[in-house]
């Protein structure tokens, strides 16, 4: 079999154009918000591909002529640092002599009293915020957003801002922080905003509760699983590059084993690709998929062992119940008896698992079930615990 150099199944990084399955509608919404100056919330659990969606949306917006800034709020220890990054990156967007750009940035972000520097040697900008010492974190960010609006008006081009893990901006300040963000963002017409986040429960409350300041600030998209037909087509097309015999049952097993979670589907497909490449003749069936999945879980044994040891006895049994019952009927008499927990103990243990980000609650079409944050942890639990 001819050697195929590149494994087409990527995980552990943001995916770009042409690399994600489906998501056309979600990507188009992000792009439209950035280009047209809308406000948009993109909410999705971890491993659902949220960052990849707004990465591709930003790419499309740039192709349409928009200027786009993207930040993961969790990458900054302080909002002051995020505000400074916005100022520095804004300077990179402006064309012209360095001195003129620095003057413009100082005017656009005047409330922050920025001191802007430029190194001709390595072509880099630096900034310190004179207002940082006497302003609280959220007002500093608000001032940065005001500066972006002025910059967008000056550039006469669409300008978009993506803040990933947005809940980290407002959670410490609660209602007041939400109100401050709304007060500035709702006035802006030149800047398009995409607020993304993985804390589905917190962001759902922010955007759906009429008593919260961010209620109906913009459109909201809850990122769902990729539909199986679309993911099946995606997997089949890429496995075809190997000219291997991959049965329909094997592809279905990949989706089932990974619980349809995009990150985990990519990870398992990646491992299956590597296994196929070394097989003679190259063939993949559902039993092979299960074996490969357990091997992938085994490689993370130190991580999962520590996570398991951090759970109480009740939480361990509740986790086993979530895995065995696929998150449904956890509080029934049969489930509580089988896993030796009372209904109240099961409820408390499940809540503890959600607080530890082991599980999360999916609500859909009037029903809810508990899902694993990392389906591969579930594979490890099934294989290596009693």
Protein backbone atom coordinates (compact mmCIF):
# COMPACT_ATOMS: atom_id res chain seq x y z
CA UNK A 1 0.00 0.00 0.00
CA UNK A 2 1.30 3.45 -0.90
CA UNK A 3 2.43 5.50 2.05
CA UNK A 4 0.12 8.35 3.02
CA UNK A 5 2.15 10.96 4.86
CA UNK A 6 -0.45 13.01 6.63
CA UNK A 7 -3.16 11.77 8.94
CA UNK A 8 -6.24 13.85 8.02
CA UNK A 9 -7.83 13.51 11.45
CA UNK A 10 -6.59 16.32 13.68
CA UNK A 11 -7.27 16.85 17.38
CA UNK A 12 -5.82 18.96 20.14
CA UNK A 13 -5.74 22.14 18.06
CA UNK A 14 -8.13 24.52 16.36
CA UNK A 15 -9.26 23.25 12.99
CA UNK A 16 -9.28 25.54 9.99
CA UNK A 17 -11.18 25.88 6.72
CA UNK A 18 -11.89 22.54 5.10
CA UNK A 19 -10.99 20.57 8.23
CA UNK A 20 -14.24 20.49 10.22
CA UNK A 21 -17.31 18.36 9.63
CA UNK A 22 -20.55 20.18 8.85
CA UNK A 23 -20.98 23.43 10.90
CA UNK A 24 -21.70 25.55 7.82
CA UNK A 25 -24.60 27.35 9.51
CA UNK A 26 -22.67 27.99 12.72
CA UNK A 27 -19.64 29.32 10.83
CA UNK A 28 -21.83 31.57 8.68
CA UNK A 29 -23.43 33.09 11.79
CA UNK A 30 -20.03 33.95 13.27
CA UNK A 31 -18.82 35.45 10.00
CA UNK A 32 -21.98 37.51 9.57
CA UNK A 33 -21.76 38.91 13.10
CA UNK A 34 -18.16 40.02 12.54
CA UNK A 35 -18.79 41.56 9.12
CA UNK A 36 -22.17 43.15 9.77
CA UNK A 37 -21.58 44.48 13.28
CA UNK A 38 -23.95 42.12 15.10
CA UNK A 39 -23.71 40.59 18.57
CA UNK A 40 -23.62 36.80 18.70
CA UNK A 41 -23.23 34.23 21.48
CA UNK A 42 -21.69 30.87 20.58
CA UNK A 43 -22.18 28.42 23.42
CA UNK A 44 -20.91 24.87 23.42
CA UNK A 45 -19.43 22.30 25.79
CA UNK A 46 -15.75 21.57 25.67
CA UNK A 47 -14.63 19.27 22.85
CA UNK A 48 -17.57 20.26 20.63
CA UNK A 49 -15.36 22.29 18.30
CA UNK A 50 -16.44 25.76 19.38
CA UNK A 51 -13.00 27.32 18.87
CA UNK A 52 -12.73 25.74 15.44
CA UNK A 53 -16.11 27.19 14.47
CA UNK A 54 -15.17 30.75 15.33
CA UNK A 55 -11.70 30.26 13.87
CA UNK A 56 -13.21 29.37 10.48
CA UNK A 57 -15.82 32.12 10.91
CA UNK A 58 -13.03 34.64 11.46
CA UNK A 59 -11.24 33.33 8.37
CA UNK A 60 -14.37 33.86 6.27
CA UNK A 61 -14.88 37.35 7.70
CA UNK A 62 -11.32 38.33 6.82
CA UNK A 63 -11.86 37.11 3.26
CA UNK A 64 -14.79 39.52 3.10
CA UNK A 65 -12.55 42.40 4.13
CA UNK A 66 -13.15 42.50 7.87
CA UNK A 67 -10.51 43.08 10.51
CA UNK A 68 -10.82 40.45 13.23
CA UNK A 69 -9.30 40.16 16.70
CA UNK A 70 -9.62 36.86 18.58
CA UNK A 71 -8.79 36.14 22.23
CA UNK A 72 -9.24 33.30 24.67
CA UNK A 73 -9.97 35.09 27.93
CA UNK A 74 -8.54 32.18 29.92
CA UNK A 75 -5.11 32.94 28.45
CA UNK A 76 -4.97 36.20 30.45
CA UNK A 77 -4.46 36.30 34.19
CA UNK A 78 -5.96 39.81 34.37
CA UNK A 79 -8.48 41.75 32.28
CA UNK A 80 -5.90 44.54 32.26
CA UNK A 81 -3.68 42.26 30.16
CA UNK A 82 -6.55 41.51 27.79
CA UNK A 83 -7.26 45.23 27.37
CA UNK A 84 -3.56 45.85 26.65
CA UNK A 85 -3.53 43.05 24.07
CA UNK A 86 -6.49 44.62 22.30
CA UNK A 87 -4.64 47.95 22.11
CA UNK A 88 -1.41 46.36 20.84
CA UNK A 89 -3.18 44.26 18.23
CA UNK A 90 -5.23 47.26 17.12
CA UNK A 91 -1.99 49.06 16.34
CA UNK A 92 -1.03 46.17 14.05
CA UNK A 93 -4.25 46.66 12.10
CA UNK A 94 -3.66 50.32 11.31
CA UNK A 95 -1.62 51.20 8.23
CA UNK A 96 0.83 54.10 8.11
CA UNK A 97 4.04 55.44 9.67
CA UNK A 98 4.64 54.20 13.22
CA UNK A 99 4.45 57.67 14.77
CA UNK A 100 1.11 58.37 13.11
CA UNK A 101 -0.27 54.97 14.12
CA UNK A 102 0.84 55.53 17.72
CA UNK A 103 -0.92 58.91 17.80
CA UNK A 104 -4.07 57.37 16.40
CA UNK A 105 -4.08 54.53 18.91
CA UNK A 106 -3.58 57.02 21.76
CA UNK A 107 -6.67 58.92 20.58
CA UNK A 108 -8.85 55.88 19.93
CA UNK A 109 -8.11 54.40 23.37
CA UNK A 110 -7.76 57.71 25.21
CA UNK A 111 -9.58 56.59 28.39
CA UNK A 112 -6.89 53.96 28.89
CA UNK A 113 -4.11 56.57 28.59
CA UNK A 114 -1.92 54.17 26.62
CA UNK A 115 1.81 54.70 26.20
CA UNK A 116 2.54 53.10 22.83
CA UNK A 117 5.97 52.06 21.63
CA UNK A 118 7.26 50.57 18.38
CA UNK A 119 10.49 48.65 17.78
CA UNK A 120 11.75 49.20 14.25
CA UNK A 121 14.25 46.37 14.76
CA UNK A 122 11.73 43.56 15.14
CA UNK A 123 8.61 45.44 13.98
CA UNK A 124 6.71 44.94 17.25
CA UNK A 125 4.40 47.16 19.28
CA UNK A 126 4.30 47.53 23.06
CA UNK A 127 1.84 49.32 25.29
CA UNK A 128 1.35 50.21 28.93
CA UNK A 129 -1.99 51.46 30.20
CA UNK A 130 -1.77 54.58 32.31
CA UNK A 131 -5.31 54.01 33.57
CA UNK A 132 -4.55 50.51 34.87
CA UNK A 133 -3.63 51.69 38.34
CA UNK A 134 -6.88 53.50 39.09
CA UNK A 135 -9.51 51.56 37.14
CA UNK A 136 -11.21 48.27 37.98
CA UNK A 137 -10.82 45.34 35.56
CA UNK A 138 -14.16 45.40 33.74
CA UNK A 139 -14.16 49.20 33.18
CA UNK A 140 -10.68 48.85 31.67
CA UNK A 141 -12.03 46.32 29.19
CA UNK A 142 -15.05 48.53 28.51
CA UNK A 143 -12.69 51.39 27.64
CA UNK A 144 -10.82 49.08 25.26
CA UNK A 145 -14.11 48.22 23.53
CA UNK A 146 -14.89 51.93 23.15
CA UNK A 147 -11.50 52.34 21.51
CA UNK A 148 -12.26 49.54 19.06
CA UNK A 149 -15.48 51.27 18.05
CA UNK A 150 -13.60 54.49 17.28
CA UNK A 151 -10.96 52.54 15.38
CA UNK A 152 -13.60 50.78 13.29
CA UNK A 153 -15.23 54.11 12.43
CA UNK A 154 -11.85 55.51 11.39
CA UNK A 155 -10.87 52.49 9.27
CA UNK A 156 -14.24 52.42 7.48
CA UNK A 157 -13.94 48.65 7.39
CA UNK A 158 -15.83 45.98 9.34
CA UNK A 159 -14.09 45.13 12.60
CA UNK A 160 -14.94 42.10 14.68
CA UNK A 161 -13.94 40.92 18.16
CA UNK A 162 -14.16 37.32 19.35
CA UNK A 163 -13.88 36.67 23.08
CA UNK A 164 -13.66 32.94 23.80
CA UNK A 165 -14.51 31.70 27.30
CA UNK A 166 -16.37 34.97 27.72
CA UNK A 167 -17.88 33.88 31.03
CA UNK A 168 -14.48 34.52 32.59
CA UNK A 169 -14.93 38.23 31.88
CA UNK A 170 -18.17 38.66 33.79
CA UNK A 171 -18.31 35.79 36.30
CA UNK A 172 -16.13 37.47 38.97
CA UNK A 173 -18.19 40.68 38.86
CA UNK A 174 -21.60 39.06 38.49
CA UNK A 175 -24.62 41.17 37.59
CA UNK A 176 -22.71 44.46 37.68
CA UNK A 177 -20.08 43.21 35.24
CA UNK A 178 -22.75 41.95 32.85
CA UNK A 179 -24.51 45.32 33.04
CA UNK A 180 -21.30 47.21 32.28
CA UNK A 181 -20.58 45.05 29.22
CA UNK A 182 -24.11 45.44 27.92
CA UNK A 183 -24.10 49.20 28.43
CA UNK A 184 -21.16 49.64 26.08
CA UNK A 185 -21.74 46.86 23.56
CA UNK A 186 -25.36 47.73 22.82
CA UNK A 187 -24.27 51.22 21.75
CA UNK A 188 -21.69 50.01 19.25
CA UNK A 189 -22.60 49.85 15.57
CA UNK A 190 -19.20 49.44 13.94
CA UNK A 191 -17.77 46.49 15.86
CA UNK A 192 -19.20 42.98 15.56
CA UNK A 193 -18.98 40.84 18.68
CA UNK A 194 -18.84 37.08 19.12
CA UNK A 195 -18.96 35.97 22.74
CA UNK A 196 -18.09 32.28 22.97
CA UNK A 197 -17.89 29.99 25.96
CA UNK A 198 -17.93 26.40 27.18
CA UNK A 199 -19.76 26.92 30.48
CA UNK A 200 -23.12 26.15 28.92
CA UNK A 201 -25.11 26.42 32.13
CA UNK A 202 -23.72 29.84 33.07
CA UNK A 203 -23.98 31.32 29.58
CA UNK A 204 -27.46 29.91 29.05
CA UNK A 205 -28.57 31.67 32.23
CA UNK A 206 -26.93 34.94 31.12
CA UNK A 207 -28.63 34.97 27.74
CA UNK A 208 -32.04 33.44 28.50
CA UNK A 209 -33.03 34.96 31.85
CA UNK A 210 -34.99 38.23 31.35
CA UNK A 211 -33.63 39.48 34.67
CA UNK A 212 -30.01 39.30 33.46
CA UNK A 213 -28.38 42.28 31.68
CA UNK A 214 -27.18 40.24 28.70
CA UNK A 215 -30.66 38.90 27.92
CA UNK A 216 -31.38 39.34 24.20
CA UNK A 217 -28.25 41.36 23.60
CA UNK A 218 -27.69 39.35 20.44
CA UNK A 219 -28.34 36.09 18.64
CA UNK A 220 -27.54 32.85 20.46
CA UNK A 221 -26.31 29.55 19.03
CA UNK A 222 -26.03 26.50 21.26
CA UNK A 223 -23.52 24.24 19.56
CA UNK A 224 -24.96 20.76 19.14
CA UNK A 225 -23.33 17.52 18.08
CA UNK A 226 -22.51 17.14 14.41
CA UNK A 227 -25.36 15.16 12.79
CA UNK A 228 -24.36 11.56 12.22
CA UNK A 229 -24.96 11.56 8.45
CA UNK A 230 -22.61 14.53 8.04
CA UNK A 231 -19.97 13.05 10.32
CA UNK A 232 -20.27 9.66 8.62
CA UNK A 233 -19.66 11.26 5.22
CA UNK A 234 -16.70 13.21 6.63
CA UNK A 235 -15.09 10.08 8.06
CA UNK A 236 -15.70 7.96 4.98
CA UNK A 237 -14.15 10.53 2.63
CA UNK A 238 -10.98 10.79 4.68
CA UNK A 239 -10.53 7.08 5.28
CA UNK A 240 -10.87 6.61 1.52
CA UNK A 241 -7.48 8.33 1.15
CA UNK A 242 -5.88 5.21 2.60
CA UNK A 243 -7.59 2.91 0.10
CA UNK A 244 -8.34 0.67 3.06
CA UNK A 245 -11.38 -1.46 3.76
CA UNK A 246 -13.28 0.45 6.42
CA UNK A 247 -16.75 -0.97 6.95
CA UNK A 248 -19.84 1.13 7.57
CA UNK A 249 -20.08 -0.64 10.92
CA UNK A 250 -16.57 0.54 11.81
CA UNK A 251 -17.45 4.16 11.06
CA UNK A 252 -20.63 3.83 13.12
CA UNK A 253 -18.54 2.33 15.93
CA UNK A 254 -16.18 5.31 15.89
CA UNK A 255 -19.12 7.68 16.41
CA UNK A 256 -20.71 5.46 19.04
CA UNK A 257 -17.50 4.86 20.98
CA UNK A 258 -16.70 8.60 20.97
CA UNK A 259 -20.27 9.52 21.95
CA UNK A 260 -20.40 11.71 18.81
CA UNK A 261 -18.24 14.36 20.54
CA UNK A 262 -16.22 16.04 17.74
CA UNK A 263 -12.87 16.14 19.57
CA UNK A 264 -13.14 12.50 20.58
CA UNK A 265 -14.31 11.40 17.15
CA UNK A 266 -11.25 13.06 15.64
CA UNK A 267 -8.98 11.47 18.26
CA UNK A 268 -10.35 7.96 17.74
CA UNK A 269 -10.35 8.31 13.95
CA UNK A 270 -6.73 9.51 14.16
CA UNK A 271 -5.77 6.38 16.11
CA UNK A 272 -7.69 4.15 13.70
CA UNK A 273 -5.93 5.77 10.73
CA UNK A 274 -2.53 5.07 12.28
CA UNK A 275 -3.50 1.46 12.97
CA UNK A 276 -4.75 0.99 9.40
CA UNK A 277 -1.60 2.42 7.91
CA UNK A 278 0.45 -0.30 9.58
CA UNK A 279 -1.89 -3.20 8.73
CA UNK A 280 -1.55 -5.64 5.86
CA UNK A 281 -4.11 -5.92 4.44
CA UNK A 282 -5.60 -2.64 5.69
CA UNK A 283 -9.07 -3.30 7.09
CA UNK A 284 -11.08 -1.92 9.99
CA UNK A 285 -14.11 -3.42 11.69
CA UNK A 286 -16.11 -2.41 14.77
CA UNK A 287 -14.16 -4.80 17.03
CA UNK A 288 -10.92 -3.14 15.93
CA UNK A 289 -12.34 0.29 16.80
CA UNK A 290 -13.18 -0.82 20.34
CA UNK A 291 -9.70 -2.28 20.85
CA UNK A 292 -8.01 0.84 19.52
CA UNK A 293 -10.17 3.02 21.79
CA UNK A 294 -9.17 1.10 24.92
CA UNK A 295 -5.52 1.42 23.90
CA UNK A 296 -5.97 5.19 23.54
CA UNK A 297 -7.45 5.36 27.04
CA UNK A 298 -4.58 3.29 28.42
CA UNK A 299 -2.06 5.84 27.18
CA UNK A 300 -3.72 8.41 29.44
CA UNK A 301 -3.77 6.12 32.47
CA UNK A 302 -1.77 8.47 34.76
CA UNK A 303 -4.18 11.34 34.03
CA UNK A 304 -7.32 9.28 34.43
CA UNK A 305 -6.03 7.43 37.50
CA UNK A 306 -5.47 10.74 39.26
CA UNK A 307 -8.91 11.97 38.20
CA UNK A 308 -10.52 8.75 39.48
CA UNK A 309 -8.67 8.98 42.79
CA UNK A 310 -10.04 12.50 43.24
CA UNK A 311 -13.62 11.25 43.28
CA UNK A 312 -15.51 10.15 46.36
CA UNK A 313 -16.94 6.64 46.54
CA UNK A 314 -20.42 7.93 45.76
CA UNK A 315 -19.13 9.96 42.84
CA UNK A 316 -17.35 6.93 41.42
CA UNK A 317 -20.54 4.86 41.53
CA UNK A 318 -22.53 7.74 40.06
CA UNK A 319 -19.98 8.06 37.26
CA UNK A 320 -20.27 4.35 36.53
CA UNK A 321 -24.04 4.81 36.40
CA UNK A 322 -23.71 7.71 33.94
CA UNK A 323 -21.50 5.56 31.71
CA UNK A 324 -23.63 2.42 31.91
CA UNK A 325 -26.98 4.19 31.45
CA UNK A 326 -25.70 6.88 29.05
CA UNK A 327 -26.90 9.53 31.49
CA UNK A 328 -30.58 8.55 31.43
CA UNK A 329 -32.75 7.34 34.31
CA UNK A 330 -30.08 7.88 36.93
CA UNK A 331 -32.56 8.48 39.75
CA UNK A 332 -34.85 5.54 39.05
CA UNK A 333 -35.24 2.78 41.62
CA UNK A 334 -33.46 0.33 39.35
CA UNK A 335 -30.45 2.62 38.85
CA UNK A 336 -30.05 3.60 42.49
CA UNK A 337 -30.35 -0.01 43.62
CA UNK A 338 -27.89 -1.25 40.99
CA UNK A 339 -25.26 1.31 41.95
CA UNK A 340 -25.96 1.20 45.70
CA UNK A 341 -26.96 4.85 46.13
CA UNK A 342 -30.12 6.47 47.39
CA UNK A 343 -31.83 8.88 45.00
CA UNK A 344 -30.63 11.87 47.02
CA UNK A 345 -27.08 10.48 47.20
CA UNK A 346 -27.10 9.88 43.44
CA UNK A 347 -28.28 13.45 42.85
CA UNK A 348 -25.61 14.89 45.13
CA UNK A 349 -22.89 12.78 43.53
CA UNK A 350 -23.92 13.79 40.02
CA UNK A 351 -23.89 17.44 41.05
CA UNK A 352 -20.41 16.92 42.44
CA UNK A 353 -19.28 15.39 39.13
CA UNK A 354 -20.59 18.44 37.30
CA UNK A 355 -18.81 20.81 39.68
CA UNK A 356 -15.57 18.92 38.98
CA UNK A 357 -16.24 19.21 35.23
CA UNK A 358 -16.36 15.43 34.85
CA UNK A 359 -19.95 15.60 33.61
CA UNK A 360 -22.39 18.16 32.32
CA UNK A 361 -26.15 18.21 31.83
CA UNK A 362 -27.50 18.35 28.30
CA UNK A 363 -31.02 19.75 27.94
CA UNK A 364 -32.64 19.21 24.58
CA UNK A 365 -36.18 18.95 23.23
CA UNK A 366 -37.63 19.15 26.72
CA UNK A 367 -35.49 16.29 28.06
CA UNK A 368 -32.15 16.20 29.81
CA UNK A 369 -29.39 13.70 30.34
CA UNK A 370 -25.98 13.72 31.95
CA UNK A 371 -23.02 13.47 29.58
CA UNK A 372 -19.31 13.01 30.13
CA UNK A 373 -17.03 15.96 29.52
CA UNK A 374 -14.46 13.49 28.14
CA UNK A 375 -15.92 10.27 26.67
CA UNK A 376 -12.42 8.71 26.65
CA UNK A 377 -12.44 8.87 30.45
CA UNK A 378 -15.56 6.72 30.27
CA UNK A 379 -13.69 4.16 28.18
CA UNK A 380 -10.95 4.06 30.81
CA UNK A 381 -13.48 3.66 33.63
CA UNK A 382 -15.19 0.74 31.85
CA UNK A 383 -11.88 -0.97 31.09
CA UNK A 384 -9.90 -0.46 34.28
CA UNK A 385 -12.28 -0.07 37.23
CA UNK A 386 -14.73 -2.35 38.97
